[in-house]
Amino acid sequence: MFQRLLPALTVLLYALGYPLGALTLGHVTPFLLILLRFLISAVLMWTVVAVRRTPLPRGRLLAWTVAGGLLVQGVQFLGLYWGMAHGVGPGVAALVIAMNPVTTAVLARLVLGRRENSWGLVALALGTVGVVAACLPRLLADPSVGPGLITVLIALGGLSGGSLLQERKLRAVDPFVFTAIGVSVSFFPAAALALSTPQHLTDPVPALALLLLLVLASAVGMVCYAACVRSRGARGASILFAVIPAVSVIAAWGLQGAPLDLTTAVGLTCGALACVAQSRSTRPTSSTPARRGRGGTGRAATVPERVR
């Protein structure tokens, strides 16, 4: 039953993170917010790991877990929050991150040699149109948003790269452990950025309430997404981002009264169509036949790691 509810729960919790993050940024500077978020999430996740007595990765597997966790947690959320604090709305941020299926496919082609069929190419084209439709009008109206969009694109790369690494190397790692290690190692760059830039906190009571809601939704959401990657692979799990932007916009409308304009609607539509086309695409094949025979799939690649 839980496996059936897992995708819907992932979408709901992940989508809530965007408007909740935008609301919390009204009271807390971005790097202080992400520092507190990583700290509280680490305490929560390690408590769960200790209660469940989940075994921890060691050796090379631990090193890969640290790298993957830093990409999925640190790079994604540091880039995302900085962008949202510099003019990128939660709907546009959700749309850019929703290009995760397309970005994952491109990275798989460049790094792993996986080929895309015609549906994959259609998805890439639609995804590009979706991002341009949502972002270009805002750049033309306010060029200062540009740096924020760049950091959100970096956040997208962190999520896609980290998820692909998890699929290839970390299927043996429990999702709670993967998230706990990710938020723990990401705490340090967040602390460095928080200490090197001016920080402020206004209205501590509502800020703390929003922060706790954000931490709970994001921590559980990321564990659910890590579980999806573990069971479905990075490609299969990334398809969930087809509906995350729409759910995020609805949540932002309910929590913030954020309006929908035509360009955002076009972007959301193209993003959803891109992910639908990606889901129609058959599983890509490796351009190197030898990889299929030895370690060519994500599950096979993790067998040596389990033995160690």
C-alpha atoms as a PDB file:
ATOM      1  CA  MET A   1       0.000   0.000   0.000  1.00  0.00           C
ATOM      2  CA  PHE A   2       2.800   2.416   0.936  1.00  0.00           C
ATOM      3  CA  GLN A   3       4.572   1.770  -2.357  1.00  0.00           C
ATOM      4  CA  ARG A   4       1.405   2.774  -4.210  1.00  0.00           C
ATOM      5  CA  LEU A   5       1.023   5.971  -2.179  1.00  0.00           C
ATOM      6  CA  LEU A   6       4.739   6.835  -2.348  1.00  0.00           C
ATOM      7  CA  PRO A   7       4.667   8.760  -5.681  1.00  0.00           C
ATOM      8  CA  ALA A   8       1.628  10.870  -4.671  1.00  0.00           C
ATOM      9  CA  LEU A   9       3.142  11.618  -1.258  1.00  0.00           C
ATOM     10  CA  THR A  10       6.435  12.600  -2.887  1.00  0.00           C
ATOM     11  CA  VAL A  11       4.691  15.014  -5.259  1.00  0.00           C
ATOM     12  CA  LEU A  12       2.620  16.633  -2.506  1.00  0.00           C
ATOM     13  CA  LEU A  13       5.463  17.122  -0.028  1.00  0.00           C
ATOM     14  CA  TYR A  14       7.991  18.242  -2.650  1.00  0.00           C
ATOM     15  CA  ALA A  15       5.523  20.746  -4.142  1.00  0.00           C
ATOM     16  CA  LEU A  16       4.682  22.233  -0.734  1.00  0.00           C
ATOM     17  CA  GLY A  17       8.353  23.063  -0.240  1.00  0.00           C
ATOM     18  CA  TYR A  18       8.312  25.878  -2.818  1.00  0.00           C
ATOM     19  CA  PRO A  19       5.558  28.119  -1.366  1.00  0.00           C
ATOM     20  CA  LEU A  20       6.578  27.271   2.201  1.00  0.00           C
ATOM     21  CA  GLY A  21      10.159  28.206   1.352  1.00  0.00           C
ATOM     22  CA  ALA A  22       9.039  31.474  -0.243  1.00  0.00           C
ATOM     23  CA  LEU A  23       6.952  32.359   2.827  1.00  0.00           C
ATOM     24  CA  THR A  24       9.786  31.538   5.201  1.00  0.00           C
ATOM     25  CA  LEU A  25      12.212  33.655   3.171  1.00  0.00           C
ATOM     26  CA  GLY A  26      10.046  36.641   4.074  1.00  0.00           C
ATOM     27  CA  HIS A  27      11.345  36.304   7.629  1.00  0.00           C
ATOM     28  CA  VAL A  28      14.793  34.721   7.236  1.00  0.00           C
ATOM     29  CA  THR A  29      17.689  35.325   4.868  1.00  0.00           C
ATOM     30  CA  PRO A  30      18.251  32.367   2.519  1.00  0.00           C
ATOM     31  CA  PHE A  31      21.540  30.997   3.807  1.00  0.00           C
ATOM     32  CA  LEU A  32      20.450  31.231   7.458  1.00  0.00           C
ATOM     33  CA  LEU A  33      17.235  29.451   6.490  1.00  0.00           C
ATOM     34  CA  ILE A  34      18.980  26.624   4.682  1.00  0.00           C
ATOM     35  CA  LEU A  35      21.514  26.316   7.532  1.00  0.00           C
ATOM     36  CA  LEU A  36      18.702  25.894  10.084  1.00  0.00           C
ATOM     37  CA  ARG A  37      16.866  23.570   7.705  1.00  0.00           C
ATOM     38  CA  PHE A  38      19.866  21.284   7.274  1.00  0.00           C
ATOM     39  CA  LEU A  39      20.561  21.300  11.031  1.00  0.00           C
ATOM     40  CA  ILE A  40      17.010  20.372  12.074  1.00  0.00           C
ATOM     41  CA  SER A  41      16.677  17.864   9.229  1.00  0.00           C
ATOM     42  CA  ALA A  42      19.941  16.188  10.248  1.00  0.00           C
ATOM     43  CA  VAL A  43      18.755  15.783  13.846  1.00  0.00           C
ATOM     44  CA  LEU A  44      15.420  14.385  12.634  1.00  0.00           C
ATOM     45  CA  MET A  45      16.920  11.992  10.088  1.00  0.00           C
ATOM     46  CA  TRP A  46      19.673  10.637  12.345  1.00  0.00           C
ATOM     47  CA  THR A  47      17.089  10.046  15.069  1.00  0.00           C
ATOM     48  CA  VAL A  48      15.050   7.944  12.625  1.00  0.00           C
ATOM     49  CA  VAL A  49      18.177   6.068  11.511  1.00  0.00           C
ATOM     50  CA  ALA A  50      19.131   5.348  15.143  1.00  0.00           C
ATOM     51  CA  VAL A  51      15.636   4.156  16.074  1.00  0.00           C
ATOM     52  CA  ARG A  52      15.467   1.897  12.992  1.00  0.00           C
ATOM     53  CA  ARG A  53      19.072   0.722  13.570  1.00  0.00           C
ATOM     54  CA  THR A  54      19.756   1.091   9.878  1.00  0.00           C
ATOM     55  CA  PRO A  55      23.271  -0.004   8.808  1.00  0.00           C
ATOM     56  CA  LEU A  56      25.512   2.749   7.475  1.00  0.00           C
ATOM     57  CA  PRO A  57      27.593   2.598   4.277  1.00  0.00           C
ATOM     58  CA  ARG A  58      31.327   2.220   4.580  1.00  0.00           C
ATOM     59  CA  GLY A  59      34.424   2.759   2.514  1.00  0.00           C
ATOM     60  CA  ARG A  60      33.896   3.640  -1.131  1.00  0.00           C
ATOM     61  CA  LEU A  61      30.130   3.365  -0.785  1.00  0.00           C
ATOM     62  CA  LEU A  62      30.218   6.003   1.960  1.00  0.00           C
ATOM     63  CA  ALA A  63      32.246   8.325  -0.270  1.00  0.00           C
ATOM     64  CA  TRP A  64      29.716   7.955  -3.096  1.00  0.00           C
ATOM     65  CA  THR A  65      26.879   8.576  -0.610  1.00  0.00           C
ATOM     66  CA  VAL A  66      28.526  11.794   0.578  1.00  0.00           C
ATOM     67  CA  ALA A  67      28.948  12.977  -3.021  1.00  0.00           C
ATOM     68  CA  GLY A  68      25.381  12.108  -4.003  1.00  0.00           C
ATOM     69  CA  GLY A  69      23.909  13.609  -0.848  1.00  0.00           C
ATOM     70  CA  LEU A  70      25.848  16.830  -1.313  1.00  0.00           C
ATOM     71  CA  LEU A  71      24.527  17.176  -4.864  1.00  0.00           C
ATOM     72  CA  VAL A  72      20.894  16.372  -4.043  1.00  0.00           C
ATOM     73  CA  GLN A  73      20.744  18.388  -0.825  1.00  0.00           C
ATOM     74  CA  GLY A  74      23.482  21.042  -0.810  1.00  0.00           C
ATOM     75  CA  VAL A  75      23.727  22.053  -4.460  1.00  0.00           C
ATOM     76  CA  GLN A  76      19.984  21.794  -5.062  1.00  0.00           C
ATOM     77  CA  PHE A  77      18.701  23.713  -2.060  1.00  0.00           C
ATOM     78  CA  LEU A  78      21.468  26.290  -1.713  1.00  0.00           C
ATOM     79  CA  GLY A  79      20.967  27.246  -5.364  1.00  0.00           C
ATOM     80  CA  LEU A  80      17.179  27.085  -5.126  1.00  0.00           C
ATOM     81  CA  TYR A  81      16.802  29.256  -2.033  1.00  0.00           C
ATOM     82  CA  TRP A  82      19.286  31.854  -3.207  1.00  0.00           C
ATOM     83  CA  GLY A  83      17.367  32.140  -6.472  1.00  0.00           C
ATOM     84  CA  MET A  84      13.986  32.421  -4.727  1.00  0.00           C
ATOM     85  CA  ALA A  85      15.414  35.154  -2.486  1.00  0.00           C
ATOM     86  CA  HIS A  86      16.494  37.083  -5.605  1.00  0.00           C
ATOM     87  CA  GLY A  87      13.249  37.339  -7.490  1.00  0.00           C
ATOM     88  CA  VAL A  88      12.522  33.832  -8.760  1.00  0.00           C
ATOM     89  CA  GLY A  89       8.947  32.946  -7.789  1.00  0.00           C
ATOM     90  CA  PRO A  90       8.045  29.513  -6.409  1.00  0.00           C
ATOM     91  CA  GLY A  91       6.098  28.599  -9.560  1.00  0.00           C
ATOM     92  CA  VAL A  92       9.036  29.358 -11.874  1.00  0.00           C
ATOM     93  CA  ALA A  93      11.459  27.631  -9.490  1.00  0.00           C
ATOM     94  CA  ALA A  94       9.223  24.556  -9.497  1.00  0.00           C
ATOM     95  CA  LEU A  95       9.047  24.662 -13.291  1.00  0.00           C
ATOM     96  CA  VAL A  96      12.835  24.798 -13.704  1.00  0.00           C
ATOM     97  CA  ILE A  97      13.355  21.960 -11.220  1.00  0.00           C
ATOM     98  CA  ALA A  98      10.607  20.072 -13.075  1.00  0.00           C
ATOM     99  CA  MET A  99      12.973  19.766 -16.022  1.00  0.00           C
ATOM    100  CA  ASN A 100      14.673  17.068 -13.947  1.00  0.00           C
ATOM    101  CA  PRO A 101      13.560  14.251 -16.314  1.00  0.00           C
ATOM    102  CA  VAL A 102      15.029  16.042 -19.314  1.00  0.00           C
ATOM    103  CA  THR A 103      18.237  16.998 -17.514  1.00  0.00           C
ATOM    104  CA  THR A 104      18.625  13.466 -16.211  1.00  0.00           C
ATOM    105  CA  ALA A 105      18.272  12.110 -19.749  1.00  0.00           C
ATOM    106  CA  VAL A 106      20.885  14.561 -21.070  1.00  0.00           C
ATOM    107  CA  LEU A 107      23.346  13.719 -18.278  1.00  0.00           C
ATOM    108  CA  ALA A 108      22.750  10.005 -18.849  1.00  0.00           C
ATOM    109  CA  ARG A 109      23.639  10.511 -22.516  1.00  0.00           C
ATOM    110  CA  LEU A 110      26.785  12.544 -21.787  1.00  0.00           C
ATOM    111  CA  VAL A 111      28.093  10.542 -18.841  1.00  0.00           C
ATOM    112  CA  LEU A 112      26.715   7.032 -19.341  1.00  0.00           C
ATOM    113  CA  GLY A 113      26.326   6.903 -23.110  1.00  0.00           C
ATOM    114  CA  ARG A 114      22.582   6.223 -23.041  1.00  0.00           C
ATOM    115  CA  ARG A 115      20.796   7.073 -26.283  1.00  0.00           C
ATOM    116  CA  GLU A 116      17.444   8.846 -26.445  1.00  0.00           C
ATOM    117  CA  ASN A 117      14.725   7.880 -28.920  1.00  0.00           C
ATOM    118  CA  SER A 118      12.360  10.295 -30.659  1.00  0.00           C
ATOM    119  CA  TRP A 119      10.128  10.687 -27.605  1.00  0.00           C
ATOM    120  CA  GLY A 120      13.154  11.658 -25.527  1.00  0.00           C
ATOM    121  CA  LEU A 121      14.119  14.336 -28.038  1.00  0.00           C
ATOM    122  CA  VAL A 122      10.542  15.677 -28.045  1.00  0.00           C
ATOM    123  CA  ALA A 123      10.670  15.861 -24.259  1.00  0.00           C
ATOM    124  CA  LEU A 124      13.931  17.816 -24.389  1.00  0.00           C
ATOM    125  CA  ALA A 125      12.505  20.309 -26.879  1.00  0.00           C
ATOM    126  CA  LEU A 126       9.294  20.808 -24.904  1.00  0.00           C
ATOM    127  CA  GLY A 127      11.244  21.210 -21.695  1.00  0.00           C
ATOM    128  CA  THR A 128      13.419  23.920 -23.217  1.00  0.00           C
ATOM    129  CA  VAL A 129      10.346  25.784 -24.489  1.00  0.00           C
ATOM    130  CA  GLY A 130       8.770  25.511 -21.053  1.00  0.00           C
ATOM    131  CA  VAL A 131      11.749  27.029 -19.259  1.00  0.00           C
ATOM    132  CA  VAL A 132      12.122  29.828 -21.827  1.00  0.00           C
ATOM    133  CA  ALA A 133       8.390  30.624 -21.732  1.00  0.00           C
ATOM    134  CA  ALA A 134       8.396  30.919 -17.959  1.00  0.00           C
ATOM    135  CA  CYS A 135      11.732  32.669 -17.483  1.00  0.00           C
ATOM    136  CA  LEU A 136      12.396  34.914 -20.501  1.00  0.00           C
ATOM    137  CA  PRO A 137       9.533  37.414 -19.870  1.00  0.00           C
ATOM    138  CA  ARG A 138      10.744  37.883 -16.292  1.00  0.00           C
ATOM    139  CA  LEU A 139      14.317  38.395 -17.414  1.00  0.00           C
ATOM    140  CA  LEU A 140      13.210  41.045 -19.923  1.00  0.00           C
ATOM    141  CA  ALA A 141      11.042  42.790 -17.329  1.00  0.00           C
ATOM    142  CA  ASP A 142      13.652  42.606 -14.555  1.00  0.00           C
ATOM    143  CA  PRO A 143      17.213  41.636 -15.556  1.00  0.00           C
ATOM    144  CA  SER A 144      18.191  41.462 -11.881  1.00  0.00           C
ATOM    145  CA  VAL A 145      16.364  38.127 -11.729  1.00  0.00           C
ATOM    146  CA  GLY A 146      19.015  36.633 -14.015  1.00  0.00           C
ATOM    147  CA  PRO A 147      21.517  35.567 -11.321  1.00  0.00           C
ATOM    148  CA  GLY A 148      18.687  33.967  -9.383  1.00  0.00           C
ATOM    149  CA  LEU A 149      17.666  31.914 -12.409  1.00  0.00           C
ATOM    150  CA  ILE A 150      21.253  30.800 -12.915  1.00  0.00           C
ATOM    151  CA  THR A 151      21.462  29.445  -9.377  1.00  0.00           C
ATOM    152  CA  VAL A 152      18.124  27.640  -9.802  1.00  0.00           C
ATOM    153  CA  LEU A 153      19.522  26.000 -12.955  1.00  0.00           C
ATOM    154  CA  ILE A 154      22.576  24.948 -10.921  1.00  0.00           C
ATOM    155  CA  ALA A 155      20.165  23.520  -8.350  1.00  0.00           C
ATOM    156  CA  LEU A 156      18.528  21.509 -11.137  1.00  0.00           C
ATOM    157  CA  GLY A 157      21.900  20.101 -12.146  1.00  0.00           C
ATOM    158  CA  GLY A 158      22.601  19.068  -8.562  1.00  0.00           C
ATOM    159  CA  LEU A 159      19.297  17.215  -8.272  1.00  0.00           C
ATOM    160  CA  SER A 160      19.669  15.415 -11.612  1.00  0.00           C
ATOM    161  CA  GLY A 161      23.326  14.536 -11.162  1.00  0.00           C
ATOM    162  CA  GLY A 162      22.850  13.367  -7.593  1.00  0.00           C
ATOM    163  CA  SER A 163      19.820  11.233  -8.488  1.00  0.00           C
ATOM    164  CA  LEU A 164      21.698   9.617 -11.367  1.00  0.00           C
ATOM    165  CA  LEU A 165      24.610   8.885  -9.036  1.00  0.00           C
ATOM    166  CA  GLN A 166      22.188   7.354  -6.543  1.00  0.00           C
ATOM    167  CA  GLU A 167      20.726   5.114  -9.248  1.00  0.00           C
ATOM    168  CA  ARG A 168      24.133   3.947 -10.473  1.00  0.00           C
ATOM    169  CA  LYS A 169      26.025   3.549  -7.198  1.00  0.00           C
ATOM    170  CA  LEU A 170      23.735   3.792  -4.163  1.00  0.00           C
ATOM    171  CA  ARG A 171      20.796   1.414  -4.517  1.00  0.00           C
ATOM    172  CA  ALA A 172      22.090  -0.480  -1.479  1.00  0.00           C
ATOM    173  CA  VAL A 173      21.835   2.671   0.699  1.00  0.00           C
ATOM    174  CA  ASP A 174      18.658   3.195   2.732  1.00  0.00           C
ATOM    175  CA  PRO A 175      16.759   6.416   1.775  1.00  0.00           C
ATOM    176  CA  PHE A 176      16.793   7.676   5.375  1.00  0.00           C
ATOM    177  CA  VAL A 177      20.557   7.154   5.573  1.00  0.00           C
ATOM    178  CA  PHE A 178      21.081   8.813   2.189  1.00  0.00           C
ATOM    179  CA  THR A 179      19.072  11.870   3.290  1.00  0.00           C
ATOM    180  CA  ALA A 180      20.706  12.016   6.718  1.00  0.00           C
ATOM    181  CA  ILE A 181      24.217  11.988   5.235  1.00  0.00           C
ATOM    182  CA  GLY A 182      23.183  14.483   2.551  1.00  0.00           C
ATOM    183  CA  VAL A 183      21.845  17.128   4.944  1.00  0.00           C
ATOM    184  CA  SER A 184      24.775  16.572   7.314  1.00  0.00           C
ATOM    185  CA  VAL A 185      27.519  17.175   4.750  1.00  0.00           C
ATOM    186  CA  SER A 186      25.531  20.059   3.207  1.00  0.00           C
ATOM    187  CA  PHE A 187      25.434  21.806   6.584  1.00  0.00           C
ATOM    188  CA  PHE A 188      29.070  22.885   6.239  1.00  0.00           C
ATOM    189  CA  PRO A 189      28.876  24.840   2.936  1.00  0.00           C
ATOM    190  CA  ALA A 190      25.610  26.356   4.192  1.00  0.00           C
ATOM    191  CA  ALA A 191      27.389  27.447   7.386  1.00  0.00           C
ATOM    192  CA  ALA A 192      30.265  28.940   5.399  1.00  0.00           C
ATOM    193  CA  LEU A 193      27.856  30.941   3.218  1.00  0.00           C
ATOM    194  CA  ALA A 194      25.805  32.050   6.229  1.00  0.00           C
ATOM    195  CA  LEU A 195      28.909  33.269   8.072  1.00  0.00           C
ATOM    196  CA  SER A 196      30.268  35.121   5.030  1.00  0.00           C
ATOM    197  CA  THR A 197      27.076  37.094   4.250  1.00  0.00           C
ATOM    198  CA  PRO A 198      24.813  39.374   6.324  1.00  0.00           C
ATOM    199  CA  GLN A 199      21.955  37.474   7.979  1.00  0.00           C
ATOM    200  CA  HIS A 200      18.758  38.571   9.703  1.00  0.00           C
ATOM    201  CA  LEU A 201      15.680  37.041  11.299  1.00  0.00           C
ATOM    202  CA  THR A 202      12.401  38.955  11.691  1.00  0.00           C
ATOM    203  CA  ASP A 203       9.231  37.886  13.503  1.00  0.00           C
ATOM    204  CA  PRO A 204      10.812  34.833  15.162  1.00  0.00           C
ATOM    205  CA  VAL A 205       7.533  33.097  16.116  1.00  0.00           C
ATOM    206  CA  PRO A 206       5.984  32.835  12.612  1.00  0.00           C
ATOM    207  CA  ALA A 207       9.442  32.261  11.144  1.00  0.00           C
ATOM    208  CA  LEU A 208      10.023  29.291  13.471  1.00  0.00           C
ATOM    209  CA  ALA A 209       6.571  27.847  12.744  1.00  0.00           C
ATOM    210  CA  LEU A 210       7.105  28.085   8.988  1.00  0.00           C
ATOM    211  CA  LEU A 211      10.617  26.658   9.324  1.00  0.00           C
ATOM    212  CA  LEU A 212       9.365  23.601  11.211  1.00  0.00           C
ATOM    213  CA  LEU A 213       6.633  23.002   8.613  1.00  0.00           C
ATOM    214  CA  LEU A 214       9.170  23.399   5.822  1.00  0.00           C
ATOM    215  CA  VAL A 215      11.671  21.041   7.442  1.00  0.00           C
ATOM    216  CA  LEU A 216       9.048  18.367   8.052  1.00  0.00           C
ATOM    217  CA  ALA A 217       7.641  18.544   4.518  1.00  0.00           C
ATOM    218  CA  SER A 218      11.030  18.724   2.799  1.00  0.00           C
ATOM    219  CA  ALA A 219      12.767  16.059   4.883  1.00  0.00           C
ATOM    220  CA  VAL A 220       9.996  13.497   4.449  1.00  0.00           C
ATOM    221  CA  GLY A 221       9.583  14.520   0.795  1.00  0.00           C
ATOM    222  CA  MET A 222      13.262  13.987   0.035  1.00  0.00           C
ATOM    223  CA  VAL A 223      13.228  10.607   1.777  1.00  0.00           C
ATOM    224  CA  CYS A 224      10.227   9.626  -0.362  1.00  0.00           C
ATOM    225  CA  TYR A 225      11.994  10.800  -3.513  1.00  0.00           C
ATOM    226  CA  ALA A 226      15.153   8.904  -2.566  1.00  0.00           C
ATOM    227  CA  ALA A 227      12.967   5.809  -2.072  1.00  0.00           C
ATOM    228  CA  CYS A 228      11.468   6.339  -5.541  1.00  0.00           C
ATOM    229  CA  VAL A 229      14.937   6.633  -7.097  1.00  0.00           C
ATOM    230  CA  ARG A 230      16.002   3.492  -5.264  1.00  0.00           C
ATOM    231  CA  SER A 231      13.028   1.474  -6.517  1.00  0.00           C
ATOM    232  CA  ARG A 232      12.379   3.030  -9.949  1.00  0.00           C
ATOM    233  CA  GLY A 233      15.735   4.493 -10.941  1.00  0.00           C
ATOM    234  CA  ALA A 234      16.525   8.164 -11.595  1.00  0.00           C
ATOM    235  CA  ARG A 235      14.598   8.146 -14.889  1.00  0.00           C
ATOM    236  CA  GLY A 236      11.426   6.662 -13.418  1.00  0.00           C
ATOM    237  CA  ALA A 237      11.451   8.818 -10.298  1.00  0.00           C
ATOM    238  CA  SER A 238      12.121  12.031 -12.219  1.00  0.00           C
ATOM    239  CA  ILE A 239       8.804  11.648 -14.092  1.00  0.00           C
ATOM    240  CA  LEU A 240       7.058  12.722 -10.879  1.00  0.00           C
ATOM    241  CA  PHE A 241       8.188  16.249 -11.689  1.00  0.00           C
ATOM    242  CA  ALA A 242       5.593  16.315 -14.453  1.00  0.00           C
ATOM    243  CA  VAL A 243       2.957  17.272 -11.881  1.00  0.00           C
ATOM    244  CA  ILE A 244       5.015  18.913  -9.105  1.00  0.00           C
ATOM    245  CA  PRO A 245       4.937  22.415 -10.705  1.00  0.00           C
ATOM    246  CA  ALA A 246       1.158  22.438 -11.070  1.00  0.00           C
ATOM    247  CA  VAL A 247       0.676  21.242  -7.508  1.00  0.00           C
ATOM    248  CA  SER A 248       3.207  23.842  -6.320  1.00  0.00           C
ATOM    249  CA  VAL A 249       1.383  26.676  -8.114  1.00  0.00           C
ATOM    250  CA  ILE A 250      -1.916  25.561  -6.599  1.00  0.00           C
ATOM    251  CA  ALA A 251      -0.264  25.474  -3.173  1.00  0.00           C
ATOM    252  CA  ALA A 252       1.252  28.938  -3.711  1.00  0.00           C
ATOM    253  CA  TRP A 253      -2.178  30.248  -4.720  1.00  0.00           C
ATOM    254  CA  GLY A 254      -3.689  28.806  -1.551  1.00  0.00           C
ATOM    255  CA  LEU A 255      -0.916  29.934   0.799  1.00  0.00           C
ATOM    256  CA  GLN A 256       0.172  33.221  -0.787  1.00  0.00           C
ATOM    257  CA  GLY A 257      -2.571  34.224  -3.204  1.00  0.00           C
ATOM    258  CA  ALA A 258       0.020  34.091  -5.994  1.00  0.00           C
ATOM    259  CA  PRO A 259      -1.639  34.758  -9.388  1.00  0.00           C
ATOM    260  CA  LEU A 260      -1.187  32.714 -12.541  1.00  0.00           C
ATOM    261  CA  ASP A 261      -0.176  34.581 -15.709  1.00  0.00           C
ATOM    262  CA  LEU A 262      -0.179  33.344 -19.285  1.00  0.00           C
ATOM    263  CA  THR A 263       3.569  32.710 -19.540  1.00  0.00           C
ATOM    264  CA  THR A 264       3.573  30.644 -16.367  1.00  0.00           C
ATOM    265  CA  ALA A 265       0.615  28.640 -17.680  1.00  0.00           C
ATOM    266  CA  VAL A 266       2.433  28.051 -20.975  1.00  0.00           C
ATOM    267  CA  GLY A 267       5.577  27.042 -19.124  1.00  0.00           C
ATOM    268  CA  LEU A 268       3.708  24.664 -16.857  1.00  0.00           C
ATOM    269  CA  THR A 269       1.912  23.127 -19.817  1.00  0.00           C
ATOM    270  CA  CYS A 270       5.113  22.602 -21.805  1.00  0.00           C
ATOM    271  CA  GLY A 271       6.864  21.228 -18.731  1.00  0.00           C
ATOM    272  CA  ALA A 272       4.069  18.737 -18.123  1.00  0.00           C
ATOM    273  CA  LEU A 273       4.025  17.717 -21.805  1.00  0.00           C
ATOM    274  CA  ALA A 274       7.803  17.274 -21.725  1.00  0.00           C
ATOM    275  CA  CYS A 275       7.540  14.897 -18.798  1.00  0.00           C
ATOM    276  CA  VAL A 276       4.654  13.027 -20.444  1.00  0.00           C
ATOM    277  CA  ALA A 277       6.751  12.602 -23.589  1.00  0.00           C
ATOM    278  CA  GLN A 278       9.647  11.435 -21.449  1.00  0.00           C
ATOM    279  CA  SER A 279       7.406   8.826 -19.844  1.00  0.00           C
ATOM    280  CA  ARG A 280       6.446   7.569 -23.317  1.00  0.00           C
ATOM    281  CA  SER A 281      10.069   7.153 -24.179  1.00  0.00           C
ATOM    282  CA  THR A 282      11.365   3.612 -23.908  1.00  0.00           C
ATOM    283  CA  ARG A 283      14.283   2.924 -21.613  1.00  0.00           C
ATOM    284  CA  PRO A 284      17.418   4.168 -23.385  1.00  0.00           C
ATOM    285  CA  THR A 285      20.071   1.706 -24.407  1.00  0.00           C
ATOM    286  CA  SER A 286      23.765   2.070 -23.789  1.00  0.00           C
ATOM    287  CA  SER A 287      25.927   3.052 -26.718  1.00  0.00           C
ATOM    288  CA  THR A 288      28.596   0.740 -25.330  1.00  0.00           C
ATOM    289  CA  PRO A 289      27.443  -2.904 -25.486  1.00  0.00           C
ATOM    290  CA  ALA A 290      30.080  -3.996 -22.980  1.00  0.00           C
ATOM    291  CA  ARG A 291      28.435  -1.889 -20.286  1.00  0.00           C
ATOM    292  CA  ARG A 292      25.238  -3.896 -20.487  1.00  0.00           C
ATOM    293  CA  GLY A 293      27.110  -7.076 -19.888  1.00  0.00           C
ATOM    294  CA  ARG A 294      29.046  -5.895 -16.850  1.00  0.00           C
ATOM    295  CA  GLY A 295      27.699  -3.180 -14.643  1.00  0.00           C
ATOM    296  CA  GLY A 296      25.661  -1.500 -17.426  1.00  0.00           C
ATOM    297  CA  THR A 297      22.516  -1.120 -15.322  1.00  0.00           C
ATOM    298  CA  GLY A 298      22.163   0.839 -12.148  1.00  0.00           C
ATOM    299  CA  ARG A 299      21.402  -2.277 -10.053  1.00  0.00           C
ATOM    300  CA  ALA A 300      24.299  -4.293 -11.406  1.00  0.00           C
ATOM    301  CA  ALA A 301      26.695  -1.426 -10.825  1.00  0.00           C
ATOM    302  CA  THR A 302      25.963  -1.496  -7.102  1.00  0.00           C
ATOM    303  CA  VAL A 303      26.707  -5.205  -6.587  1.00  0.00           C
ATOM    304  CA  PRO A 304      30.432  -4.694  -5.926  1.00  0.00           C
ATOM    305  CA  GLU A 305      29.583  -1.952  -3.445  1.00  0.00           C
ATOM    306  CA  ARG A 306      27.321  -4.291  -1.468  1.00  0.00           C
ATOM    307  CA  VAL A 307      30.099  -6.854  -1.133  1.00  0.00           C
ATOM    308  CA  ARG A 308      32.545  -4.435   0.387  1.00  0.00           C
END
